[in-house]
């Protein structure tokens, strides 16, 4: 049974929230055991009805049922498409068919995408950056174009009189919150959703981190007049500083001092042995590293691994040689790092075991260097590490824990 809620958010604003616990891999890529929500909103003015964003493709009929709990679709005047990705636009074609008189507002790129994805010919009106749209006598909409958060079509919609910012993926999170508002969550759940927001940011927006503060600056004139921020994933915020401060931190590419993340692959225990020695030496310095293992008994959650790497100062990667190359799973981690992780101010150490040819660490260094990552040291050893190898490793630990 599909789980959704319809709830009044503030006066004249309703949320239609689909709680999706069946999707295990967001974008068919990122592991989300915590699930995800799709938030659509219905806004009423004195004489107009506006729908902001929709649900994921595949839930069209259930969406219309949920919508009818608030309004008859034939009475809808505007449909705002902040972002055309199918987890938000998947229900728009069905909605447009039953809301025949509605006008679809979106960036011109979003309109092009809707046409190409769905063959949807409807009443469209492109909107521009900082455009004021007079919805009715009592409501003005301000559009802000925020490209690459995370597609080139992305806009956020600010309803002036309602002091509500509908931000779609911006400030969104994974997870299915127990309450609609972040402020109504318990302290433990708040901490959890802070992490889910960070995880979503790194997985989805990380590649475009340089656009974050550039786009946030566009919103700065609004900040004193925003009373709610309503993303299309996760909770709604009354305290706008909560999501803004997290985005400023992540957008600044800041690192957490001495935070150390270790990821390694080990087929038969040789790489794992040296990693265990490394962990012991690091813990002697009062640092408790986060360790992600790729072995015959363990596989990491890559969506969480890449999240922890984002603001780590120290990154240690262990790889055995495999077919005279980098171990495949580690090569995948390196490609994710290149795509999602800023290389600024990171200290990287590579460890590699080999049987007959020392190539993996050197190839891995070349791969990471392409994106500007700085590899401080490489520790390579044939078979089992020698005392000299361990001594060298201890000196490396001294350098990265200063």
Protein backbone atom coordinates (compact mmCIF):
# COMPACT_ATOMS: atom_id res chain seq x y z
CA UNK A 1 0.00 0.00 0.00
CA UNK A 2 1.30 3.44 -0.95
CA UNK A 3 1.87 5.69 2.05
CA UNK A 4 1.13 9.37 1.65
CA UNK A 5 -0.06 12.27 3.77
CA UNK A 6 -2.07 15.40 2.99
CA UNK A 7 -1.65 18.11 5.58
CA UNK A 8 -2.11 21.84 6.00
CA UNK A 9 1.28 23.50 6.36
CA UNK A 10 0.31 27.13 6.98
CA UNK A 11 -2.77 29.11 6.06
CA UNK A 12 -3.76 28.30 2.46
CA UNK A 13 -0.79 25.97 1.86
CA UNK A 14 -1.04 22.17 1.84
CA UNK A 15 1.57 19.46 1.41
CA UNK A 16 0.95 16.22 -0.48
CA UNK A 17 3.79 13.98 0.68
CA UNK A 18 4.52 10.55 -0.74
CA UNK A 19 6.60 8.41 1.63
CA UNK A 20 8.70 6.15 -0.58
CA UNK A 21 10.30 3.27 1.30
CA UNK A 22 10.39 0.98 -1.73
CA UNK A 23 13.12 2.78 -3.68
CA UNK A 24 16.40 1.28 -2.51
CA UNK A 25 18.69 3.14 -4.91
CA UNK A 26 17.95 6.81 -5.54
CA UNK A 27 18.61 7.62 -9.20
CA UNK A 28 19.25 3.85 -9.49
CA UNK A 29 22.63 4.62 -7.91
CA UNK A 30 22.63 5.91 -4.32
CA UNK A 31 21.72 3.52 -1.52
CA UNK A 32 18.91 4.97 0.62
CA UNK A 33 17.81 2.44 3.26
CA UNK A 34 16.20 5.46 4.98
CA UNK A 35 13.79 6.01 2.07
CA UNK A 36 12.77 9.36 0.61
CA UNK A 37 9.72 11.60 0.28
CA UNK A 38 8.33 13.48 -2.70
CA UNK A 39 6.65 16.70 -1.60
CA UNK A 40 4.11 18.50 -3.74
CA UNK A 41 2.33 21.64 -2.57
CA UNK A 42 -1.04 23.26 -3.17
CA UNK A 43 -1.29 27.01 -2.59
CA UNK A 44 -4.59 28.90 -2.44
CA UNK A 45 -5.09 32.62 -2.96
CA UNK A 46 -8.37 34.52 -2.93
CA UNK A 47 -9.24 33.37 -6.43
CA UNK A 48 -6.43 31.13 -7.67
CA UNK A 49 -5.10 27.62 -6.99
CA UNK A 50 -1.44 26.81 -7.60
CA UNK A 51 0.27 23.42 -7.54
CA UNK A 52 4.03 23.45 -6.91
CA UNK A 53 5.91 20.38 -8.19
CA UNK A 54 4.64 16.81 -8.29
CA UNK A 55 5.60 13.24 -7.42
CA UNK A 56 7.73 10.57 -8.99
CA UNK A 57 6.64 8.92 -12.21
CA UNK A 58 4.62 5.78 -11.46
CA UNK A 59 2.37 7.35 -8.81
CA UNK A 60 0.13 9.39 -11.11
CA UNK A 61 -3.29 8.04 -10.12
CA UNK A 62 -2.52 8.05 -6.40
CA UNK A 63 -1.29 11.62 -6.74
CA UNK A 64 -4.58 12.71 -8.29
CA UNK A 65 -6.48 10.96 -5.46
CA UNK A 66 -4.38 12.81 -2.88
CA UNK A 67 -4.85 16.09 -4.72
CA UNK A 68 -8.64 15.67 -4.69
CA UNK A 69 -8.53 15.67 -0.89
CA UNK A 70 -7.62 19.35 -1.18
CA UNK A 71 -8.95 20.61 -4.50
CA UNK A 72 -10.67 19.43 -7.65
CA UNK A 73 -7.99 19.38 -10.37
CA UNK A 74 -10.24 21.28 -12.75
CA UNK A 75 -10.00 24.27 -10.42
CA UNK A 76 -6.20 24.52 -10.63
CA UNK A 77 -4.95 27.65 -12.36
CA UNK A 78 -1.16 27.26 -12.27
CA UNK A 79 1.32 24.38 -12.10
CA UNK A 80 4.84 25.43 -11.16
CA UNK A 81 7.64 23.12 -12.27
CA UNK A 82 10.71 24.12 -10.27
CA UNK A 83 12.69 21.21 -11.72
CA UNK A 84 11.79 18.73 -14.45
CA UNK A 85 13.47 15.57 -13.14
CA UNK A 86 10.91 12.73 -13.12
CA UNK A 87 10.87 12.34 -9.33
CA UNK A 88 9.15 15.75 -9.33
CA UNK A 89 7.59 15.99 -12.78
CA UNK A 90 6.41 12.39 -13.21
CA UNK A 91 2.82 13.26 -12.28
CA UNK A 92 2.68 16.52 -14.26
CA UNK A 93 1.41 15.03 -17.57
CA UNK A 94 -1.52 13.33 -15.82
CA UNK A 95 -2.22 16.46 -13.80
CA UNK A 96 -2.17 18.64 -16.93
CA UNK A 97 -4.78 16.40 -18.54
CA UNK A 98 -7.26 16.82 -15.68
CA UNK A 99 -6.35 20.45 -14.94
CA UNK A 100 -7.07 21.47 -18.50
CA UNK A 101 -7.23 25.22 -17.86
CA UNK A 102 -3.97 25.37 -15.93
CA UNK A 103 -0.87 27.26 -17.05
CA UNK A 104 2.47 25.54 -16.50
CA UNK A 105 5.24 27.86 -15.29
CA UNK A 106 8.87 26.78 -15.52
CA UNK A 107 12.24 27.68 -16.90
CA UNK A 108 12.43 27.32 -20.67
CA UNK A 109 14.84 24.38 -20.24
CA UNK A 110 12.33 22.64 -17.95
CA UNK A 111 9.62 23.13 -20.57
CA UNK A 112 11.85 21.64 -23.26
CA UNK A 113 12.55 18.66 -21.01
CA UNK A 114 8.86 18.10 -20.23
CA UNK A 115 8.16 18.02 -23.95
CA UNK A 116 11.02 15.61 -24.66
CA UNK A 117 10.40 13.28 -21.69
CA UNK A 118 6.63 13.05 -21.91
CA UNK A 119 5.59 14.52 -25.26
CA UNK A 120 3.56 16.91 -23.14
CA UNK A 121 2.00 19.73 -25.12
CA UNK A 122 0.22 22.02 -22.68
CA UNK A 123 -0.26 25.68 -21.82
CA UNK A 124 3.29 26.72 -20.99
CA UNK A 125 4.74 29.99 -19.87
CA UNK A 126 8.54 30.28 -19.47
CA UNK A 127 9.70 32.31 -16.48
CA UNK A 128 12.96 34.18 -16.01
CA UNK A 129 15.35 34.93 -13.19
CA UNK A 130 13.97 37.46 -10.68
CA UNK A 131 10.70 37.65 -12.59
CA UNK A 132 7.63 38.80 -10.65
CA UNK A 133 4.50 36.89 -11.57
CA UNK A 134 1.22 38.42 -10.43
CA UNK A 135 -0.74 35.30 -9.50
CA UNK A 136 -3.77 37.25 -8.29
CA UNK A 137 -4.60 40.57 -6.65
CA UNK A 138 -3.45 39.15 -3.33
CA UNK A 139 -0.40 37.10 -4.31
CA UNK A 140 2.89 37.77 -6.06
CA UNK A 141 5.34 35.08 -7.05
CA UNK A 142 9.07 35.79 -7.45
CA UNK A 143 11.14 33.36 -9.48
CA UNK A 144 14.83 32.84 -8.81
CA UNK A 145 16.88 30.86 -11.30
CA UNK A 146 19.41 28.67 -9.45
CA UNK A 147 21.15 26.66 -12.20
CA UNK A 148 23.05 23.48 -11.38
CA UNK A 149 21.28 22.90 -8.08
CA UNK A 150 21.31 20.39 -9.59
CA UNK A 151 20.08 20.65 -13.20
CA UNK A 152 20.31 23.66 -15.54
CA UNK A 153 16.52 24.09 -15.36
CA UNK A 154 16.24 24.60 -11.59
CA UNK A 155 14.25 27.51 -10.17
CA UNK A 156 12.94 28.26 -6.70
CA UNK A 157 9.58 29.94 -6.18
CA UNK A 158 8.94 32.57 -3.51
CA UNK A 159 5.38 33.53 -2.62
CA UNK A 160 5.76 37.07 -1.30
CA UNK A 161 2.60 37.47 0.76
CA UNK A 162 2.81 33.95 2.21
CA UNK A 163 6.55 34.37 2.89
CA UNK A 164 7.09 30.81 1.64
CA UNK A 165 10.01 29.58 -0.46
CA UNK A 166 9.40 26.40 -2.46
CA UNK A 167 12.90 25.16 -3.22
CA UNK A 168 12.47 21.70 -4.81
CA UNK A 169 15.82 19.81 -4.55
CA UNK A 170 17.58 22.73 -2.88
CA UNK A 171 17.66 22.04 0.90
CA UNK A 172 16.13 18.60 0.26
CA UNK A 173 17.07 15.44 2.10
CA UNK A 174 16.69 11.71 2.08
CA UNK A 175 14.63 10.01 4.78
CA UNK A 176 10.97 9.92 5.78
CA UNK A 177 10.49 12.31 8.72
CA UNK A 178 7.95 11.47 11.42
CA UNK A 179 6.59 15.03 11.21
CA UNK A 180 6.14 17.51 8.37
CA UNK A 181 8.20 20.24 10.07
CA UNK A 182 11.85 19.80 11.01
CA UNK A 183 11.26 21.80 14.20
CA UNK A 184 8.73 19.22 15.40
CA UNK A 185 11.24 16.36 15.25
CA UNK A 186 12.99 15.11 18.37
CA UNK A 187 16.67 15.93 18.87
CA UNK A 188 17.89 12.53 17.66
CA UNK A 189 15.73 12.71 14.55
CA UNK A 190 16.92 16.27 13.87
CA UNK A 191 20.52 15.07 13.95
CA UNK A 192 19.58 12.24 11.63
CA UNK A 193 17.98 14.63 9.14
CA UNK A 194 20.95 16.97 9.30
CA UNK A 195 22.97 13.98 8.11
CA UNK A 196 20.37 12.97 5.49
CA UNK A 197 20.45 16.52 4.12
CA UNK A 198 24.22 16.42 3.92
CA UNK A 199 24.11 12.99 2.28
CA UNK A 200 21.59 14.19 -0.28
CA UNK A 201 23.69 17.30 -0.96
CA UNK A 202 26.89 15.33 -1.56
CA UNK A 203 25.25 12.62 -3.66
CA UNK A 204 23.10 14.90 -5.80
CA UNK A 205 24.57 18.43 -5.75
CA UNK A 206 28.20 17.68 -4.88
CA UNK A 207 29.45 17.94 -8.46
CA UNK A 208 28.13 21.51 -8.64
CA UNK A 209 29.37 22.72 -5.26
CA UNK A 210 30.87 25.85 -6.82
CA UNK A 211 27.36 26.98 -7.76
CA UNK A 212 25.95 26.71 -4.24
CA UNK A 213 26.98 29.95 -2.56
CA UNK A 214 26.75 31.76 -5.88
CA UNK A 215 23.07 30.83 -6.02
CA UNK A 216 22.46 31.36 -2.30
CA UNK A 217 23.59 34.95 -2.69
CA UNK A 218 20.61 35.49 -4.99
CA UNK A 219 18.31 34.52 -2.13
CA UNK A 220 19.96 36.72 0.50
CA UNK A 221 17.58 39.69 -0.04
CA UNK A 222 14.68 37.37 0.82
CA UNK A 223 16.05 35.85 4.01
CA UNK A 224 14.46 38.26 6.48
CA UNK A 225 11.09 37.71 4.83
CA UNK A 226 11.02 33.91 4.55
CA UNK A 227 8.93 32.14 7.18
CA UNK A 228 9.06 28.64 5.71
CA UNK A 229 11.36 26.81 3.33
CA UNK A 230 9.55 23.92 1.66
CA UNK A 231 11.80 21.50 -0.27
CA UNK A 232 10.41 18.69 -2.39
CA UNK A 233 12.25 16.02 -0.38
CA UNK A 234 12.32 15.72 3.41
CA UNK A 235 11.02 18.09 6.09
CA UNK A 236 9.83 21.69 5.84
CA UNK A 237 11.73 24.35 7.81
CA UNK A 238 10.36 27.20 9.91
CA UNK A 239 13.82 28.23 11.06
CA UNK A 240 15.33 29.07 7.69
CA UNK A 241 18.82 29.33 9.14
CA UNK A 242 18.93 25.56 9.72
CA UNK A 243 19.19 24.51 6.06
CA UNK A 244 20.95 27.71 5.02
CA UNK A 245 23.81 27.27 7.49
CA UNK A 246 24.37 23.68 6.37
CA UNK A 247 24.43 24.72 2.71
CA UNK A 248 26.83 27.57 3.43
CA UNK A 249 29.16 25.13 5.20
CA UNK A 250 29.01 22.54 2.43
CA UNK A 251 29.16 25.17 -0.29
CA UNK A 252 32.33 26.62 1.23
CA UNK A 253 34.08 23.23 0.76
CA UNK A 254 35.18 23.41 4.39
CA UNK A 255 36.92 20.43 5.97
CA UNK A 256 36.47 19.00 9.43
CA UNK A 257 39.88 19.29 11.08
CA UNK A 258 41.59 15.90 11.56
CA UNK A 259 38.56 13.99 10.30
CA UNK A 260 39.99 10.80 8.83
CA UNK A 261 38.23 8.40 6.49
CA UNK A 262 39.73 5.06 5.49
CA UNK A 263 38.40 3.02 2.59
CA UNK A 264 40.13 -0.14 1.53
CA UNK A 265 39.68 -3.31 -0.48
CA UNK A 266 41.29 -6.56 0.60
CA UNK A 267 40.77 -9.90 -1.13
CA UNK A 268 42.86 -12.14 1.10
CA UNK A 269 43.76 -10.00 4.10
CA UNK A 270 47.14 -8.57 3.12
CA UNK A 271 45.88 -5.01 2.58
CA UNK A 272 43.59 -5.35 5.59
CA UNK A 273 46.52 -6.22 7.86
CA UNK A 274 48.37 -3.02 7.08
CA UNK A 275 45.14 -1.04 7.39
CA UNK A 276 44.59 -2.46 10.88
CA UNK A 277 48.09 -1.34 11.82
CA UNK A 278 47.32 2.10 10.41
CA UNK A 279 44.09 2.33 12.42
CA UNK A 280 45.94 1.46 15.64
CA UNK A 281 48.53 4.17 15.00
CA UNK A 282 45.89 6.79 14.15
CA UNK A 283 43.85 5.97 17.26
CA UNK A 284 46.97 6.49 19.37
CA UNK A 285 46.76 10.12 18.24
CA UNK A 286 43.25 10.46 19.64
CA UNK A 287 41.57 10.22 16.24
CA UNK A 288 38.84 7.66 15.57
CA UNK A 289 38.76 7.13 11.83
CA UNK A 290 35.67 6.19 9.87
CA UNK A 291 36.44 2.91 8.12
CA UNK A 292 34.73 1.52 5.02
CA UNK A 293 35.68 -2.06 4.12
CA UNK A 294 35.49 -3.88 0.81
CA UNK A 295 36.14 -7.54 1.59
CA UNK A 296 34.58 -10.95 1.05
CA UNK A 297 32.42 -10.23 4.11
CA UNK A 298 31.81 -6.47 3.91
CA UNK A 299 30.71 -3.96 1.31
CA UNK A 300 30.25 -0.27 2.05
CA UNK A 301 27.20 1.88 1.44
CA UNK A 302 28.77 4.06 -1.23
CA UNK A 303 26.28 6.90 -0.79
CA UNK A 304 27.43 7.20 2.84
CA UNK A 305 31.11 6.71 2.03
CA UNK A 306 31.13 9.59 -0.42
CA UNK A 307 29.24 11.73 2.10
CA UNK A 308 31.93 11.22 4.74
CA UNK A 309 34.73 11.89 2.26
CA UNK A 310 33.26 15.30 1.35
CA UNK A 311 34.53 17.20 4.40
CA UNK A 312 37.30 14.84 5.54
CA UNK A 313 40.78 16.29 5.95
CA UNK A 314 42.57 12.93 5.75
CA UNK A 315 41.65 10.20 3.28
CA UNK A 316 43.43 6.85 3.27
CA UNK A 317 42.74 4.48 0.38
CA UNK A 318 43.96 0.89 0.36
CA UNK A 319 43.96 -1.11 -2.84
CA UNK A 320 45.43 -4.42 -3.85
CA UNK A 321 46.60 -4.86 -7.42
CA UNK A 322 43.97 -6.52 -9.59
CA UNK A 323 44.64 -7.57 -13.18
CA UNK A 324 47.66 -5.25 -13.12
CA UNK A 325 45.37 -2.36 -12.27
CA UNK A 326 43.49 -0.65 -9.44
CA UNK A 327 41.03 -2.90 -7.64
CA UNK A 328 37.69 -2.30 -9.46
CA UNK A 329 35.67 -1.16 -6.42
CA UNK A 330 38.42 1.29 -5.44
CA UNK A 331 38.51 2.59 -9.00
CA UNK A 332 34.77 3.24 -8.64
CA UNK A 333 35.39 5.13 -5.38
CA UNK A 334 38.04 7.22 -7.13
CA UNK A 335 35.63 8.10 -9.94
CA UNK A 336 32.97 9.10 -7.41
CA UNK A 337 35.52 11.28 -5.66
CA UNK A 338 36.41 12.98 -8.93
CA UNK A 339 32.73 13.60 -9.65
CA UNK A 340 31.47 14.65 -6.23
CA UNK A 341 34.29 15.65 -3.86
CA UNK A 342 36.19 18.96 -3.95
CA UNK A 343 39.94 18.29 -3.75
CA UNK A 344 40.68 21.38 -1.68
CA UNK A 345 42.75 20.96 1.51
CA UNK A 346 42.64 17.17 1.55
CA UNK A 347 45.57 14.96 2.52
CA UNK A 348 45.50 11.60 0.76
CA UNK A 349 47.55 8.52 1.53
CA UNK A 350 47.53 5.44 -0.70
CA UNK A 351 48.38 1.94 0.52
CA UNK A 352 48.81 -0.96 -1.86
CA UNK A 353 49.79 -4.60 -1.66
CA UNK A 354 50.92 -6.54 -4.69
CA UNK A 355 52.14 -9.97 -5.71
CA UNK A 356 54.36 -9.40 -8.73
CA UNK A 357 53.95 -5.80 -9.95
CA UNK A 358 53.43 -2.55 -8.05
CA UNK A 359 51.05 -0.62 -10.29
CA UNK A 360 47.74 0.00 -8.46
CA UNK A 361 48.83 2.85 -6.17
CA UNK A 362 50.61 4.67 -8.97
CA UNK A 363 47.65 4.38 -11.30
CA UNK A 364 45.33 5.49 -8.51
CA UNK A 365 47.52 8.52 -7.86
CA UNK A 366 47.29 9.46 -11.55
CA UNK A 367 43.50 9.10 -11.52
CA UNK A 368 43.09 11.32 -8.45
CA UNK A 369 45.65 13.86 -9.62
CA UNK A 370 43.53 14.50 -12.71
CA UNK A 371 40.97 16.22 -10.44
CA UNK A 372 43.61 18.02 -8.36
CA UNK A 373 43.74 15.73 -5.32
CA UNK A 374 47.09 15.88 -3.54
CA UNK A 375 48.54 12.48 -2.68
CA UNK A 376 50.93 13.01 0.24
CA UNK A 377 52.40 9.53 0.39
CA UNK A 378 52.17 6.05 -1.08
CA UNK A 379 52.90 2.92 0.92
CA UNK A 380 53.48 -0.09 -1.30
CA UNK A 381 54.55 -3.55 -0.20
CA UNK A 382 54.96 -6.97 -1.74
CA UNK A 383 52.95 -9.68 0.02
CA UNK A 384 53.21 -8.92 3.73
CA UNK A 385 54.42 -5.58 5.08
CA UNK A 386 57.96 -5.57 6.47
CA UNK A 387 59.18 -3.73 9.56
CA UNK A 388 60.48 -1.00 7.27
CA UNK A 389 57.01 -0.68 5.76
CA UNK A 390 55.43 -0.34 9.21
CA UNK A 391 58.05 2.23 10.26
CA UNK A 392 57.35 4.26 7.13
CA UNK A 393 53.62 3.99 7.82
CA UNK A 394 54.12 5.39 11.33
CA UNK A 395 55.93 8.40 9.89
CA UNK A 396 53.04 8.94 7.48
CA UNK A 397 50.59 8.87 10.39
CA UNK A 398 52.67 11.52 12.16
CA UNK A 399 52.30 13.79 9.15
CA UNK A 400 48.55 13.43 8.68
CA UNK A 401 47.65 13.75 12.37
CA UNK A 402 49.51 16.96 13.10
